Amino acid sequence: MKPSLRAVVACLGVCAAVVLGGCQGRDEPEYAPRFSAEAPSSDPVYVFGVHPLHNPQRLHEVFSPLMAYLSAHIAGARFRLEASRNYAAYDEKLYARQFHFALPNPYQTINAVKHGYRVFGKMGDDDNFRGIILVRKDSGIREVRDLRGKAVSYPAPSALAATMLPQYFLHSHGIDVMHDIENRYVGSQESSIMNVYLGDVAAGATWPPPWRALSRERPELAAALEVRWQTDPLPNNGLVVLPEVPETVVAQVGRLLFSLHESPEGRRLLAPMELSRFEPADDATYAPVREFIHRFSAAVRPVE
């Protein structure tokens, strides 16, 4: 059954919040972070750019406590979270080297290396880094071919787990992604999910962490939607840093992040991220991502 009028109105409120959150700063100029002294402290401020795993408001809720933790445990340094309104805005800042530290998706990670960043770590739980495709339980969609002629939502063209992996899955199951379906890029993971719930699209792509979090918060979503298909995984989101950041600071950030899972306080910080741990990594870790991007670009659509 379609959702009741009351459910639709309630969900439109959620969508409005997501849209407004995603539009924060739309008319404000982008800025480049600096090693600057901000009163009353003279400690350098390191800007940490996290890619749009969520809309900006939720991103701050999830990652701001981590910035406070780093600031409290690294003497002579402070850390500030930078959220971006969408993938395009994040890409622009990342590739312009406007973050000291960053947590990009794997595709953005390999591109960040081309722009001078160094990989020093990553999110663990690689099994989480896969695409999932949601449908309404009452949609009647059972086979991939049932999507022909219908609309599918995704966060953004450059979202690897939530867009490229699902599109490659559809391609490998007989769908001409650029002609057989209508691709709608709706700005955030939450928006992609809500588009399915409200019946605006036949299916929506995302990845497991935001689906689990949102379905817990909104049980009506879990009752109405189901994961119809999932993709194979790739290495999870990377941790990168500019060479200008002192190695002593990078080492301390790594030590703190890679040991979060060892303490109750650290596990409390990881829980909202739907993550068990961070772990060391380097450029070679993302070789499978480079290989996938090559296959995807040749078979589905060019991304570079």
C-alpha atoms as a PDB file:
ATOM      1  CA  MET A   1       0.000   0.000   0.000  1.00  0.00           C
ATOM      2  CA  LYS A   2       1.023   3.580  -0.554  1.00  0.00           C
ATOM      3  CA  PRO A   3       1.818   5.552   2.636  1.00  0.00           C
ATOM      4  CA  SER A   4      -1.083   7.390   4.331  1.00  0.00           C
ATOM      5  CA  LEU A   5      -1.514  11.141   3.918  1.00  0.00           C
ATOM      6  CA  ARG A   6      -0.236  11.659   7.465  1.00  0.00           C
ATOM      7  CA  ALA A   7       2.877   9.561   6.709  1.00  0.00           C
ATOM      8  CA  VAL A   8       3.484  11.464   3.497  1.00  0.00           C
ATOM      9  CA  VAL A   9       3.186  14.820   5.279  1.00  0.00           C
ATOM     10  CA  ALA A  10       5.553  13.636   8.011  1.00  0.00           C
ATOM     11  CA  CYS A  11       8.048  12.375   5.507  1.00  0.00           C
ATOM     12  CA  LEU A  12       7.855  15.560   3.480  1.00  0.00           C
ATOM     13  CA  GLY A  13       8.965  17.307   6.652  1.00  0.00           C
ATOM     14  CA  VAL A  14      11.959  14.983   6.853  1.00  0.00           C
ATOM     15  CA  CYS A  15      12.749  15.577   3.202  1.00  0.00           C
ATOM     16  CA  ALA A  16      12.512  19.327   3.707  1.00  0.00           C
ATOM     17  CA  ALA A  17      14.995  19.078   6.549  1.00  0.00           C
ATOM     18  CA  VAL A  18      17.317  17.017   4.367  1.00  0.00           C
ATOM     19  CA  VAL A  19      17.043  19.495   1.500  1.00  0.00           C
ATOM     20  CA  LEU A  20      17.550  22.507   3.745  1.00  0.00           C
ATOM     21  CA  GLY A  21      20.491  20.786   5.415  1.00  0.00           C
ATOM     22  CA  GLY A  22      21.975  20.007   2.030  1.00  0.00           C
ATOM     23  CA  CYS A  23      21.599  23.634   0.983  1.00  0.00           C
ATOM     24  CA  GLN A  24      23.437  25.134   3.923  1.00  0.00           C
ATOM     25  CA  GLY A  25      25.964  27.616   2.699  1.00  0.00           C
ATOM     26  CA  ARG A  26      24.723  27.525  -0.894  1.00  0.00           C
ATOM     27  CA  ASP A  27      25.158  31.286  -1.256  1.00  0.00           C
ATOM     28  CA  GLU A  28      28.251  31.558   0.885  1.00  0.00           C
ATOM     29  CA  PRO A  29      31.672  31.561  -0.755  1.00  0.00           C
ATOM     30  CA  GLU A  30      33.798  28.482  -0.293  1.00  0.00           C
ATOM     31  CA  TYR A  31      36.903  29.070   1.775  1.00  0.00           C
ATOM     32  CA  ALA A  32      40.337  27.546   1.975  1.00  0.00           C
ATOM     33  CA  PRO A  33      41.433  26.388   5.450  1.00  0.00           C
ATOM     34  CA  ARG A  34      44.649  27.827   6.798  1.00  0.00           C
ATOM     35  CA  PHE A  35      47.111  27.016   9.550  1.00  0.00           C
ATOM     36  CA  SER A  36      45.748  29.965  11.437  1.00  0.00           C
ATOM     37  CA  ALA A  37      45.551  31.278  14.957  1.00  0.00           C
ATOM     38  CA  GLU A  38      41.953  31.775  16.080  1.00  0.00           C
ATOM     39  CA  ALA A  39      41.411  33.684  19.332  1.00  0.00           C
ATOM     40  CA  PRO A  40      41.747  32.917  22.109  1.00  0.00           C
ATOM     41  CA  SER A  41      43.983  29.964  21.183  1.00  0.00           C
ATOM     42  CA  SER A  42      47.136  30.230  19.115  1.00  0.00           C
ATOM     43  CA  ASP A  43      47.092  26.517  18.215  1.00  0.00           C
ATOM     44  CA  PRO A  44      46.900  25.715  14.487  1.00  0.00           C
ATOM     45  CA  VAL A  45      43.480  24.602  13.256  1.00  0.00           C
ATOM     46  CA  TYR A  46      43.405  21.578  10.959  1.00  0.00           C
ATOM     47  CA  VAL A  47      40.310  21.330   8.797  1.00  0.00           C
ATOM     48  CA  PHE A  48      38.969  17.796   8.373  1.00  0.00           C
ATOM     49  CA  GLY A  49      36.759  17.365   5.315  1.00  0.00           C
ATOM     50  CA  VAL A  50      34.355  14.411   5.397  1.00  0.00           C
ATOM     51  CA  HIS A  51      32.598  13.583   2.139  1.00  0.00           C
ATOM     52  CA  PRO A  52      28.765  13.644   2.067  1.00  0.00           C
ATOM     53  CA  LEU A  53      28.109  10.356   3.830  1.00  0.00           C
ATOM     54  CA  HIS A  54      25.033  12.176   5.154  1.00  0.00           C
ATOM     55  CA  ASN A  55      23.405  15.569   4.796  1.00  0.00           C
ATOM     56  CA  PRO A  56      25.446  18.343   6.485  1.00  0.00           C
ATOM     57  CA  GLN A  57      23.413  18.455   9.696  1.00  0.00           C
ATOM     58  CA  ARG A  58      23.709  14.740  10.321  1.00  0.00           C
ATOM     59  CA  LEU A  59      27.359  14.735   9.291  1.00  0.00           C
ATOM     60  CA  HIS A  60      28.106  17.241  12.050  1.00  0.00           C
ATOM     61  CA  GLU A  61      26.168  15.147  14.573  1.00  0.00           C
ATOM     62  CA  VAL A  62      28.204  12.061  13.684  1.00  0.00           C
ATOM     63  CA  PHE A  63      31.715  13.481  13.208  1.00  0.00           C
ATOM     64  CA  SER A  64      31.966  16.632  15.362  1.00  0.00           C
ATOM     65  CA  PRO A  65      32.540  14.532  18.530  1.00  0.00           C
ATOM     66  CA  LEU A  66      35.512  12.926  16.775  1.00  0.00           C
ATOM     67  CA  MET A  67      36.990  16.354  16.053  1.00  0.00           C
ATOM     68  CA  ALA A  68      36.586  17.275  19.735  1.00  0.00           C
ATOM     69  CA  TYR A  69      38.305  14.009  20.698  1.00  0.00           C
ATOM     70  CA  LEU A  70      41.303  14.697  18.460  1.00  0.00           C
ATOM     71  CA  SER A  71      41.555  18.279  19.728  1.00  0.00           C
ATOM     72  CA  ALA A  72      41.475  17.110  23.341  1.00  0.00           C
ATOM     73  CA  HIS A  73      44.158  14.446  22.867  1.00  0.00           C
ATOM     74  CA  ILE A  74      46.673  16.207  20.603  1.00  0.00           C
ATOM     75  CA  ALA A  75      48.493  19.034  22.320  1.00  0.00           C
ATOM     76  CA  GLY A  76      49.026  22.186  20.288  1.00  0.00           C
ATOM     77  CA  ALA A  77      46.447  21.386  17.613  1.00  0.00           C
ATOM     78  CA  ARG A  78      42.734  21.800  17.044  1.00  0.00           C
ATOM     79  CA  PHE A  79      40.512  20.061  14.510  1.00  0.00           C
ATOM     80  CA  ARG A  80      37.454  21.447  12.780  1.00  0.00           C
ATOM     81  CA  LEU A  81      34.961  19.472  10.704  1.00  0.00           C
ATOM     82  CA  GLU A  82      34.055  20.750   7.253  1.00  0.00           C
ATOM     83  CA  ALA A  83      30.807  19.435   5.754  1.00  0.00           C
ATOM     84  CA  SER A  84      29.857  20.089   2.144  1.00  0.00           C
ATOM     85  CA  ARG A  85      26.382  20.603   0.735  1.00  0.00           C
ATOM     86  CA  ASN A  86      26.868  17.948  -1.955  1.00  0.00           C
ATOM     87  CA  TYR A  87      29.461  15.802  -3.706  1.00  0.00           C
ATOM     88  CA  ALA A  88      30.315  18.457  -6.286  1.00  0.00           C
ATOM     89  CA  ALA A  89      31.124  21.024  -3.590  1.00  0.00           C
ATOM     90  CA  TYR A  90      33.205  18.491  -1.681  1.00  0.00           C
ATOM     91  CA  ASP A  91      35.123  17.443  -4.795  1.00  0.00           C
ATOM     92  CA  GLU A  92      35.919  21.057  -5.621  1.00  0.00           C
ATOM     93  CA  LYS A  93      37.370  21.713  -2.173  1.00  0.00           C
ATOM     94  CA  LEU A  94      39.218  18.401  -1.945  1.00  0.00           C
ATOM     95  CA  TYR A  95      40.905  18.706  -5.331  1.00  0.00           C
ATOM     96  CA  ALA A  96      41.803  22.330  -4.574  1.00  0.00           C
ATOM     97  CA  ARG A  97      43.623  21.040  -1.449  1.00  0.00           C
ATOM     98  CA  GLN A  98      41.342  22.985   0.888  1.00  0.00           C
ATOM     99  CA  PHE A  99      41.345  20.285   3.591  1.00  0.00           C
ATOM    100  CA  HIS A 100      44.321  19.367   5.732  1.00  0.00           C
ATOM    101  CA  PHE A 101      42.825  15.968   6.527  1.00  0.00           C
ATOM    102  CA  ALA A 102      40.001  14.343   4.600  1.00  0.00           C
ATOM    103  CA  LEU A 103      37.787  11.268   4.637  1.00  0.00           C
ATOM    104  CA  PRO A 104      36.834  10.832   0.953  1.00  0.00           C
ATOM    105  CA  ASN A 105      35.111   7.908  -0.655  1.00  0.00           C
ATOM    106  CA  PRO A 106      37.474   5.459  -2.432  1.00  0.00           C
ATOM    107  CA  TYR A 107      37.001   7.075  -5.848  1.00  0.00           C
ATOM    108  CA  GLN A 108      37.722  10.504  -4.362  1.00  0.00           C
ATOM    109  CA  THR A 109      40.647   8.955  -2.484  1.00  0.00           C
ATOM    110  CA  ILE A 110      42.451   7.860  -5.643  1.00  0.00           C
ATOM    111  CA  ASN A 111      41.757  11.276  -7.174  1.00  0.00           C
ATOM    112  CA  ALA A 112      43.021  13.032  -4.031  1.00  0.00           C
ATOM    113  CA  VAL A 113      46.361  11.249  -4.463  1.00  0.00           C
ATOM    114  CA  LYS A 114      46.614  12.828  -7.915  1.00  0.00           C
ATOM    115  CA  HIS A 115      46.189  16.222  -6.240  1.00  0.00           C
ATOM    116  CA  GLY A 116      48.994  15.745  -3.727  1.00  0.00           C
ATOM    117  CA  TYR A 117      47.332  14.021  -0.781  1.00  0.00           C
ATOM    118  CA  ARG A 118      48.800  10.943   0.873  1.00  0.00           C
ATOM    119  CA  VAL A 119      46.749   7.956   2.037  1.00  0.00           C
ATOM    120  CA  PHE A 120      47.526   7.053   5.659  1.00  0.00           C
ATOM    121  CA  GLY A 121      44.445   5.120   6.746  1.00  0.00           C
ATOM    122  CA  LYS A 122      40.893   4.093   6.007  1.00  0.00           C
ATOM    123  CA  MET A 123      37.634   3.023   7.523  1.00  0.00           C
ATOM    124  CA  GLY A 124      37.546  -0.669   8.362  1.00  0.00           C
ATOM    125  CA  ASP A 125      34.586  -2.984   7.688  1.00  0.00           C
ATOM    126  CA  ASP A 126      35.147  -3.267   3.941  1.00  0.00           C
ATOM    127  CA  ASP A 127      32.124  -5.564   3.747  1.00  0.00           C
ATOM    128  CA  ASN A 128      30.007  -2.458   4.428  1.00  0.00           C
ATOM    129  CA  PHE A 129      31.376  -0.679   1.379  1.00  0.00           C
ATOM    130  CA  ARG A 130      28.912  -2.027  -1.129  1.00  0.00           C
ATOM    131  CA  GLY A 131      25.883  -0.655  -2.901  1.00  0.00           C
ATOM    132  CA  ILE A 132      22.344  -1.655  -2.019  1.00  0.00           C
ATOM    133  CA  ILE A 133      19.222  -1.072  -4.104  1.00  0.00           C
ATOM    134  CA  LEU A 134      15.979  -0.476  -2.224  1.00  0.00           C
ATOM    135  CA  VAL A 135      12.420  -0.919  -3.472  1.00  0.00           C
ATOM    136  CA  ARG A 136       9.030  -0.613  -1.815  1.00  0.00           C
ATOM    137  CA  LYS A 137       7.752  -3.980  -0.653  1.00  0.00           C
ATOM    138  CA  ASP A 138       4.496  -3.312  -2.488  1.00  0.00           C
ATOM    139  CA  SER A 139       6.208  -2.272  -5.744  1.00  0.00           C
ATOM    140  CA  GLY A 140       5.986  -5.586  -7.522  1.00  0.00           C
ATOM    141  CA  ILE A 141       9.615  -5.228  -8.606  1.00  0.00           C
ATOM    142  CA  ARG A 142      11.245  -8.636  -8.377  1.00  0.00           C
ATOM    143  CA  GLU A 143      13.728  -8.838 -11.252  1.00  0.00           C
ATOM    144  CA  VAL A 144      16.292  -6.302 -12.462  1.00  0.00           C
ATOM    145  CA  ARG A 145      14.488  -6.168 -15.804  1.00  0.00           C
ATOM    146  CA  ASP A 146      11.412  -4.802 -13.981  1.00  0.00           C
ATOM    147  CA  LEU A 147      13.271  -1.471 -13.667  1.00  0.00           C
ATOM    148  CA  ARG A 148      13.266  -0.819 -17.424  1.00  0.00           C
ATOM    149  CA  GLY A 149      11.466   2.424 -18.184  1.00  0.00           C
ATOM    150  CA  LYS A 150      11.463   3.478 -14.511  1.00  0.00           C
ATOM    151  CA  ALA A 151      13.361   6.010 -12.399  1.00  0.00           C
ATOM    152  CA  VAL A 152      16.162   5.116  -9.976  1.00  0.00           C
ATOM    153  CA  SER A 153      17.581   7.525  -7.375  1.00  0.00           C
ATOM    154  CA  TYR A 154      21.216   7.914  -6.274  1.00  0.00           C
ATOM    155  CA  PRO A 155      23.029  10.482  -4.089  1.00  0.00           C
ATOM    156  CA  ALA A 156      25.422  11.784  -6.796  1.00  0.00           C
ATOM    157  CA  PRO A 157      27.261  10.636  -9.936  1.00  0.00           C
ATOM    158  CA  SER A 158      30.590  10.393  -8.058  1.00  0.00           C
ATOM    159  CA  ALA A 159      29.232   8.366  -5.111  1.00  0.00           C
ATOM    160  CA  LEU A 160      31.074   5.070  -5.464  1.00  0.00           C
ATOM    161  CA  ALA A 161      29.209   2.679  -3.156  1.00  0.00           C
ATOM    162  CA  ALA A 162      25.786   4.263  -3.613  1.00  0.00           C
ATOM    163  CA  THR A 163      25.900   5.094  -7.322  1.00  0.00           C
ATOM    164  CA  MET A 164      28.709   3.543  -9.363  1.00  0.00           C
ATOM    165  CA  LEU A 165      28.564   0.095  -7.777  1.00  0.00           C
ATOM    166  CA  PRO A 166      24.742  -0.130  -8.174  1.00  0.00           C
ATOM    167  CA  GLN A 167      24.923   1.131 -11.756  1.00  0.00           C
ATOM    168  CA  TYR A 168      27.576  -1.456 -12.589  1.00  0.00           C
ATOM    169  CA  PHE A 169      25.383  -4.118 -10.979  1.00  0.00           C
ATOM    170  CA  LEU A 170      22.425  -3.075 -13.148  1.00  0.00           C
ATOM    171  CA  HIS A 171      24.656  -3.084 -16.220  1.00  0.00           C
ATOM    172  CA  SER A 172      25.917  -6.583 -15.418  1.00  0.00           C
ATOM    173  CA  HIS A 173      22.284  -7.750 -15.160  1.00  0.00           C
ATOM    174  CA  GLY A 174      21.248  -6.524 -18.587  1.00  0.00           C
ATOM    175  CA  ILE A 175      20.232  -2.883 -18.004  1.00  0.00           C
ATOM    176  CA  ASP A 176      21.575  -0.177 -20.304  1.00  0.00           C
ATOM    177  CA  VAL A 177      21.972   2.357 -17.502  1.00  0.00           C
ATOM    178  CA  MET A 178      22.106   5.383 -19.778  1.00  0.00           C
ATOM    179  CA  HIS A 179      19.027   4.437 -21.837  1.00  0.00           C
ATOM    180  CA  ASP A 180      16.829   1.828 -20.135  1.00  0.00           C
ATOM    181  CA  ILE A 181      16.198   3.750 -16.900  1.00  0.00           C
ATOM    182  CA  GLU A 182      15.976   7.356 -15.689  1.00  0.00           C
ATOM    183  CA  ASN A 183      18.869   8.180 -13.348  1.00  0.00           C
ATOM    184  CA  ARG A 184      18.023  10.776 -10.683  1.00  0.00           C
ATOM    185  CA  TYR A 185      20.855  12.207  -8.585  1.00  0.00           C
ATOM    186  CA  VAL A 186      19.090  13.588  -5.507  1.00  0.00           C
ATOM    187  CA  GLY A 187      21.958  14.939  -3.387  1.00  0.00           C
ATOM    188  CA  SER A 188      22.215  12.709  -0.306  1.00  0.00           C
ATOM    189  CA  GLN A 189      21.864   9.156   0.928  1.00  0.00           C
ATOM    190  CA  GLU A 190      18.788  10.066   2.958  1.00  0.00           C
ATOM    191  CA  SER A 191      17.131  11.713  -0.031  1.00  0.00           C
ATOM    192  CA  SER A 192      17.732   8.639  -2.183  1.00  0.00           C
ATOM    193  CA  ILE A 193      16.021   6.469   0.433  1.00  0.00           C
ATOM    194  CA  MET A 194      13.115   8.874   0.915  1.00  0.00           C
ATOM    195  CA  ASN A 195      12.506   9.079  -2.833  1.00  0.00           C
ATOM    196  CA  VAL A 196      11.769   5.353  -2.812  1.00  0.00           C
ATOM    197  CA  TYR A 197       9.562   5.538   0.267  1.00  0.00           C
ATOM    198  CA  LEU A 198       7.456   8.347  -1.185  1.00  0.00           C
ATOM    199  CA  GLY A 199       7.061   6.529  -4.491  1.00  0.00           C
ATOM    200  CA  ASP A 200       8.889   9.157  -6.540  1.00  0.00           C
ATOM    201  CA  VAL A 201      11.212   6.485  -7.972  1.00  0.00           C
ATOM    202  CA  ALA A 202      10.871   2.754  -8.497  1.00  0.00           C
ATOM    203  CA  ALA A 203      14.176   2.007  -6.744  1.00  0.00           C
ATOM    204  CA  GLY A 204      16.842   3.886  -4.847  1.00  0.00           C
ATOM    205  CA  ALA A 205      20.526   3.196  -4.335  1.00  0.00           C
ATOM    206  CA  THR A 206      22.489   3.826  -1.158  1.00  0.00           C
ATOM    207  CA  TRP A 207      24.944   1.874   1.001  1.00  0.00           C
ATOM    208  CA  PRO A 208      24.396  -0.047   4.265  1.00  0.00           C
ATOM    209  CA  PRO A 209      25.358   2.442   7.042  1.00  0.00           C
ATOM    210  CA  PRO A 210      22.862   5.227   6.183  1.00  0.00           C
ATOM    211  CA  TRP A 211      20.129   2.679   5.445  1.00  0.00           C
ATOM    212  CA  ARG A 212      20.613   0.983   8.816  1.00  0.00           C
ATOM    213  CA  ALA A 213      20.723   4.304  10.674  1.00  0.00           C
ATOM    214  CA  LEU A 214      17.668   5.809   8.985  1.00  0.00           C
ATOM    215  CA  SER A 215      15.592   2.635   9.225  1.00  0.00           C
ATOM    216  CA  ARG A 216      16.276   2.496  12.980  1.00  0.00           C
ATOM    217  CA  GLU A 217      15.200   6.101  13.419  1.00  0.00           C
ATOM    218  CA  ARG A 218      12.174   5.747  11.140  1.00  0.00           C
ATOM    219  CA  PRO A 219      10.686   2.250  11.629  1.00  0.00           C
ATOM    220  CA  GLU A 220       8.053   2.991   8.988  1.00  0.00           C
ATOM    221  CA  LEU A 221      10.836   3.009   6.402  1.00  0.00           C
ATOM    222  CA  ALA A 222      12.010  -0.467   7.415  1.00  0.00           C
ATOM    223  CA  ALA A 223       8.382  -1.636   7.292  1.00  0.00           C
ATOM    224  CA  ALA A 224       7.784  -0.260   3.786  1.00  0.00           C
ATOM    225  CA  LEU A 225      11.147  -0.801   2.052  1.00  0.00           C
ATOM    226  CA  GLU A 226      13.427  -3.752   1.441  1.00  0.00           C
ATOM    227  CA  VAL A 227      16.909  -4.318   0.077  1.00  0.00           C
ATOM    228  CA  ARG A 228      16.218  -6.017  -3.245  1.00  0.00           C
ATOM    229  CA  TRP A 229      19.842  -6.281  -4.455  1.00  0.00           C
ATOM    230  CA  GLN A 230      23.357  -5.662  -3.160  1.00  0.00           C
ATOM    231  CA  THR A 231      26.708  -5.354  -4.933  1.00  0.00           C
ATOM    232  CA  ASP A 232      30.134  -6.777  -4.244  1.00  0.00           C
ATOM    233  CA  PRO A 233      32.286  -4.660  -1.861  1.00  0.00           C
ATOM    234  CA  LEU A 234      35.382  -2.518  -2.391  1.00  0.00           C
ATOM    235  CA  PRO A 235      37.903  -1.055   0.112  1.00  0.00           C
ATOM    236  CA  ASN A 236      36.156   1.407   2.412  1.00  0.00           C
ATOM    237  CA  ASN A 237      36.535   5.198   2.607  1.00  0.00           C
ATOM    238  CA  GLY A 238      40.084   6.526   2.847  1.00  0.00           C
ATOM    239  CA  LEU A 239      41.934   8.854   5.201  1.00  0.00           C
ATOM    240  CA  VAL A 240      44.205  11.305   3.391  1.00  0.00           C
ATOM    241  CA  VAL A 241      46.416  14.201   4.463  1.00  0.00           C
ATOM    242  CA  LEU A 242      48.284  17.049   2.805  1.00  0.00           C
ATOM    243  CA  PRO A 243      52.102  16.924   2.899  1.00  0.00           C
ATOM    244  CA  GLU A 244      52.136  20.331   4.619  1.00  0.00           C
ATOM    245  CA  VAL A 245      50.761  18.804   7.825  1.00  0.00           C
ATOM    246  CA  PRO A 246      53.627  17.976  10.235  1.00  0.00           C
ATOM    247  CA  GLU A 247      54.339  14.267  10.369  1.00  0.00           C
ATOM    248  CA  THR A 248      54.176  14.361  14.164  1.00  0.00           C
ATOM    249  CA  VAL A 249      50.542  15.507  13.912  1.00  0.00           C
ATOM    250  CA  VAL A 250      49.699  12.881  11.283  1.00  0.00           C
ATOM    251  CA  ALA A 251      51.215  10.161  13.473  1.00  0.00           C
ATOM    252  CA  GLN A 252      49.170  11.271  16.486  1.00  0.00           C
ATOM    253  CA  VAL A 253      45.947  11.420  14.458  1.00  0.00           C
ATOM    254  CA  GLY A 254      46.628   7.928  13.130  1.00  0.00           C
ATOM    255  CA  ARG A 255      47.432   6.546  16.566  1.00  0.00           C
ATOM    256  CA  LEU A 256      44.202   7.919  18.013  1.00  0.00           C
ATOM    257  CA  LEU A 257      41.976   6.854  15.119  1.00  0.00           C
ATOM    258  CA  PHE A 258      43.434   3.365  14.810  1.00  0.00           C
ATOM    259  CA  SER A 259      42.946   2.688  18.528  1.00  0.00           C
ATOM    260  CA  LEU A 260      39.380   4.006  18.932  1.00  0.00           C
ATOM    261  CA  HIS A 261      37.926   0.499  18.984  1.00  0.00           C
ATOM    262  CA  GLU A 262      40.074  -0.389  22.014  1.00  0.00           C
ATOM    263  CA  SER A 263      38.247   1.850  24.525  1.00  0.00           C
ATOM    264  CA  PRO A 264      34.604   2.431  25.534  1.00  0.00           C
ATOM    265  CA  GLU A 265      34.943   6.138  24.695  1.00  0.00           C
ATOM    266  CA  GLY A 266      36.315   5.344  21.266  1.00  0.00           C
ATOM    267  CA  ARG A 267      33.612   2.784  20.545  1.00  0.00           C
ATOM    268  CA  ARG A 268      30.987   5.385  21.449  1.00  0.00           C
ATOM    269  CA  LEU A 269      32.500   7.673  18.801  1.00  0.00           C
ATOM    270  CA  LEU A 270      32.519   4.889  16.204  1.00  0.00           C
ATOM    271  CA  ALA A 271      28.956   3.723  16.816  1.00  0.00           C
ATOM    272  CA  PRO A 272      27.145   6.619  15.038  1.00  0.00           C
ATOM    273  CA  MET A 273      29.445   6.048  12.049  1.00  0.00           C
ATOM    274  CA  GLU A 274      28.209   2.430  11.814  1.00  0.00           C
ATOM    275  CA  LEU A 275      31.902   1.523  12.015  1.00  0.00           C
ATOM    276  CA  SER A 276      33.901  -0.943  14.114  1.00  0.00           C
ATOM    277  CA  ARG A 277      37.339   0.621  13.548  1.00  0.00           C
ATOM    278  CA  PHE A 278      39.709   2.738  11.482  1.00  0.00           C
ATOM    279  CA  GLU A 279      42.856   1.025  10.190  1.00  0.00           C
ATOM    280  CA  PRO A 280      46.174   1.901   8.511  1.00  0.00           C
ATOM    281  CA  ALA A 281      46.280   1.986   4.699  1.00  0.00           C
ATOM    282  CA  ASP A 282      48.356   3.341   1.845  1.00  0.00           C
ATOM    283  CA  ASP A 283      48.040   4.056  -1.842  1.00  0.00           C
ATOM    284  CA  ALA A 284      48.324   0.359  -2.781  1.00  0.00           C
ATOM    285  CA  THR A 285      45.227  -0.429  -0.703  1.00  0.00           C
ATOM    286  CA  TYR A 286      43.094   1.235  -3.377  1.00  0.00           C
ATOM    287  CA  ALA A 287      44.368  -0.717  -6.398  1.00  0.00           C
ATOM    288  CA  PRO A 288      41.021  -2.607  -6.618  1.00  0.00           C
ATOM    289  CA  VAL A 289      39.222   0.738  -6.794  1.00  0.00           C
ATOM    290  CA  ARG A 290      41.357   1.904  -9.710  1.00  0.00           C
ATOM    291  CA  GLU A 291      40.634  -1.344 -11.519  1.00  0.00           C
ATOM    292  CA  PHE A 292      36.878  -1.004 -10.896  1.00  0.00           C
ATOM    293  CA  ILE A 293      36.802   2.605 -12.109  1.00  0.00           C
ATOM    294  CA  HIS A 294      38.517   1.490 -15.320  1.00  0.00           C
ATOM    295  CA  ARG A 295      35.913  -1.234 -15.887  1.00  0.00           C
ATOM    296  CA  PHE A 296      33.015   1.058 -14.968  1.00  0.00           C
ATOM    297  CA  SER A 297      34.179   3.850 -17.281  1.00  0.00           C
ATOM    298  CA  ALA A 298      34.531   1.430 -20.189  1.00  0.00           C
ATOM    299  CA  ALA A 299      31.235  -0.375 -19.671  1.00  0.00           C
ATOM    300  CA  VAL A 300      28.728   2.060 -18.102  1.00  0.00           C
ATOM    301  CA  ARG A 301      29.672   5.725 -18.420  1.00  0.00           C
ATOM    302  CA  PRO A 302      32.851   7.787 -18.330  1.00  0.00           C
ATOM    303  CA  VAL A 303      33.701   9.227 -14.932  1.00  0.00           C
ATOM    304  CA  GLU A 304      37.064  10.848 -15.684  1.00  0.00           C
END
